[in-house]
Amino acid sequence: MILKRYQNEMIVLTAFVLMGMAYLYKSSSAGGLDRIKEEVAASTAQLGEIIALKKQWGDTDLPKKIEVLKKEIDPKKVKSFDLGSNKLTAVLAGLSDKEMNTIVTRLGNTAVQIIKLNAKKIGESYEMEIQCKW
């Protein structure tokens, strides 16, 4: 009897409870979707960077670009310059500070991994030992 009297109010209350639950579910799933979208965007950006780096490191002209570096230096200053399949080992002596900076900048701008870089100042000139790989 009392239930029949408040039947409409119970229906409205049930509707509000269901509506609140639906809103909470929607907001939690929307937040999860936004997080997934951000992760996918970040992964896509990283994949693009990886592909670009792979192209640079797989460049077949890379040894030729490094060989140009040897031609720019006076042959008297080159003690050894060994350009292997994927490795460079060079010992240079009698370099001015400008020449040394040029070499380091050029190597820094190419897609090589500098393993060893020793620079010693001897009087007014520098002696440099470089090992790189790609």
Protein backbone atom coordinates (compact mmCIF):
# COMPACT_ATOMS: atom_id res chain seq x y z
CA MET A 1 0.00 0.00 0.00
CA ILE A 2 2.69 2.44 0.97
CA LEU A 3 4.76 1.27 -2.02
CA LYS A 4 1.92 2.07 -4.40
CA ARG A 5 1.65 5.48 -2.88
CA TYR A 6 5.34 6.26 -3.50
CA GLN A 7 5.68 4.21 -6.70
CA ASN A 8 6.40 7.23 -8.95
CA GLU A 9 8.99 8.62 -6.52
CA MET A 10 10.76 5.22 -6.41
CA ILE A 11 10.86 5.11 -10.21
CA VAL A 12 12.33 8.60 -10.36
CA LEU A 13 14.89 7.72 -7.65
CA THR A 14 15.90 4.55 -9.52
CA ALA A 15 16.23 6.55 -12.74
CA PHE A 16 18.50 9.10 -10.99
CA VAL A 17 20.66 6.32 -9.51
CA LEU A 18 21.01 4.65 -12.92
CA MET A 19 21.75 8.00 -14.53
CA GLY A 20 24.49 8.69 -11.94
CA MET A 21 26.05 5.27 -12.51
CA ALA A 22 25.98 5.80 -16.28
CA TYR A 23 27.67 9.20 -15.89
CA LEU A 24 30.43 7.72 -13.71
CA TYR A 25 31.00 4.90 -16.19
CA LYS A 26 31.12 7.34 -19.10
CA SER A 27 33.62 9.66 -17.41
CA SER A 28 35.92 6.81 -16.39
CA SER A 29 35.87 5.24 -19.86
CA ALA A 30 36.42 8.63 -21.55
CA GLY A 31 39.48 9.24 -19.37
CA GLY A 32 40.86 5.83 -20.30
CA LEU A 33 40.26 6.54 -23.98
CA ASP A 34 42.12 9.85 -23.76
CA ARG A 35 45.05 8.12 -22.08
CA ILE A 36 45.15 5.47 -24.82
CA LYS A 37 45.07 8.18 -27.52
CA GLU A 38 48.04 9.95 -25.90
CA GLU A 39 50.00 6.69 -25.72
CA VAL A 40 49.30 5.96 -29.40
CA ALA A 41 50.36 9.49 -30.39
CA ALA A 42 53.59 9.17 -28.40
CA SER A 43 54.32 5.75 -29.92
CA THR A 44 53.72 7.11 -33.42
CA ALA A 45 56.12 10.00 -32.82
CA GLN A 46 58.79 7.63 -31.48
CA LEU A 47 58.32 5.33 -34.44
CA GLY A 48 58.86 8.25 -36.81
CA GLU A 49 62.08 9.18 -35.02
CA ILE A 50 63.30 5.58 -35.13
CA ILE A 51 62.66 5.36 -38.88
CA ALA A 52 64.49 8.64 -39.49
CA LEU A 53 67.49 7.49 -37.43
CA LYS A 54 67.51 4.14 -39.20
CA LYS A 55 67.71 5.93 -42.55
CA GLN A 56 70.62 8.06 -41.33
CA TRP A 57 72.53 5.14 -39.86
CA GLY A 58 71.88 2.95 -42.89
CA ASP A 59 73.12 5.63 -45.30
CA THR A 60 75.54 4.08 -47.80
CA ASP A 61 77.17 7.47 -48.45
CA LEU A 62 78.29 7.84 -44.84
CA PRO A 63 81.87 6.57 -45.48
CA LYS A 64 82.15 9.03 -48.38
CA LYS A 65 81.06 11.90 -46.11
CA ILE A 66 83.73 10.93 -43.59
CA GLU A 67 86.34 10.57 -46.36
CA VAL A 68 85.67 14.22 -47.28
CA LEU A 69 86.78 15.11 -43.75
CA LYS A 70 90.20 13.58 -44.46
CA LYS A 71 90.56 15.59 -47.67
CA GLU A 72 89.94 18.86 -45.82
CA ILE A 73 92.88 18.26 -43.46
CA ASP A 74 96.48 18.81 -44.55
CA PRO A 75 98.02 15.36 -45.33
CA LYS A 76 101.05 16.24 -43.18
CA LYS A 77 98.80 16.44 -40.12
CA VAL A 78 97.23 13.00 -40.63
CA LYS A 79 99.22 10.31 -38.83
CA SER A 80 96.69 7.56 -39.52
CA PHE A 81 93.21 7.48 -40.99
CA ASP A 82 91.70 3.98 -41.13
CA LEU A 83 88.21 3.84 -42.55
CA GLY A 84 86.89 0.30 -42.06
CA SER A 85 83.52 -1.14 -43.03
CA ASN A 86 81.61 0.57 -40.23
CA LYS A 87 84.42 2.09 -38.21
CA LEU A 88 86.78 5.05 -38.30
CA THR A 89 90.07 5.27 -36.41
CA ALA A 90 92.11 8.42 -36.93
CA VAL A 91 95.12 10.03 -35.30
CA LEU A 92 95.80 13.64 -36.23
CA ALA A 93 98.66 15.83 -35.03
CA GLY A 94 99.60 19.47 -35.40
CA LEU A 95 96.01 20.72 -35.61
CA SER A 96 95.06 24.28 -34.90
CA ASP A 97 92.11 24.95 -32.61
CA LYS A 98 89.96 25.95 -35.60
CA GLU A 99 90.73 22.70 -37.45
CA MET A 100 90.03 20.62 -34.36
CA ASN A 101 86.67 22.34 -33.79
CA THR A 102 85.77 21.82 -37.46
CA ILE A 103 86.48 18.10 -37.21
CA VAL A 104 84.50 17.64 -34.01
CA THR A 105 81.57 19.67 -35.37
CA ARG A 106 81.48 17.71 -38.63
CA LEU A 107 81.56 14.39 -36.79
CA GLY A 108 78.86 15.63 -34.42
CA ASN A 109 76.62 16.52 -37.37
CA THR A 110 76.99 13.16 -39.10
CA ALA A 111 75.27 9.97 -38.01
CA VAL A 112 78.24 8.40 -36.24
CA GLN A 113 78.71 7.25 -32.69
CA ILE A 114 81.90 8.68 -31.24
CA ILE A 115 83.51 5.97 -29.13
CA LYS A 116 86.75 7.69 -28.25
CA LEU A 117 87.86 11.30 -28.59
CA ASN A 118 91.22 12.26 -27.09
CA ALA A 119 92.60 15.74 -27.60
CA LYS A 120 95.96 16.81 -26.20
CA LYS A 121 97.42 20.27 -26.41
CA ILE A 122 101.09 20.23 -27.35
CA GLY A 123 102.42 23.77 -27.40
CA GLU A 124 100.21 25.78 -29.75
CA SER A 125 98.85 22.77 -31.64
CA TYR A 126 96.64 19.83 -30.77
CA GLU A 127 96.91 16.09 -31.21
CA MET A 128 93.65 14.22 -31.61
CA GLU A 129 92.68 10.56 -31.58
CA ILE A 130 89.19 9.65 -32.80
CA GLN A 131 87.30 6.37 -32.94
CA CYS A 132 83.80 6.27 -34.42
CA LYS A 133 81.37 3.63 -35.56
CA TRP A 134 78.05 3.60 -37.38
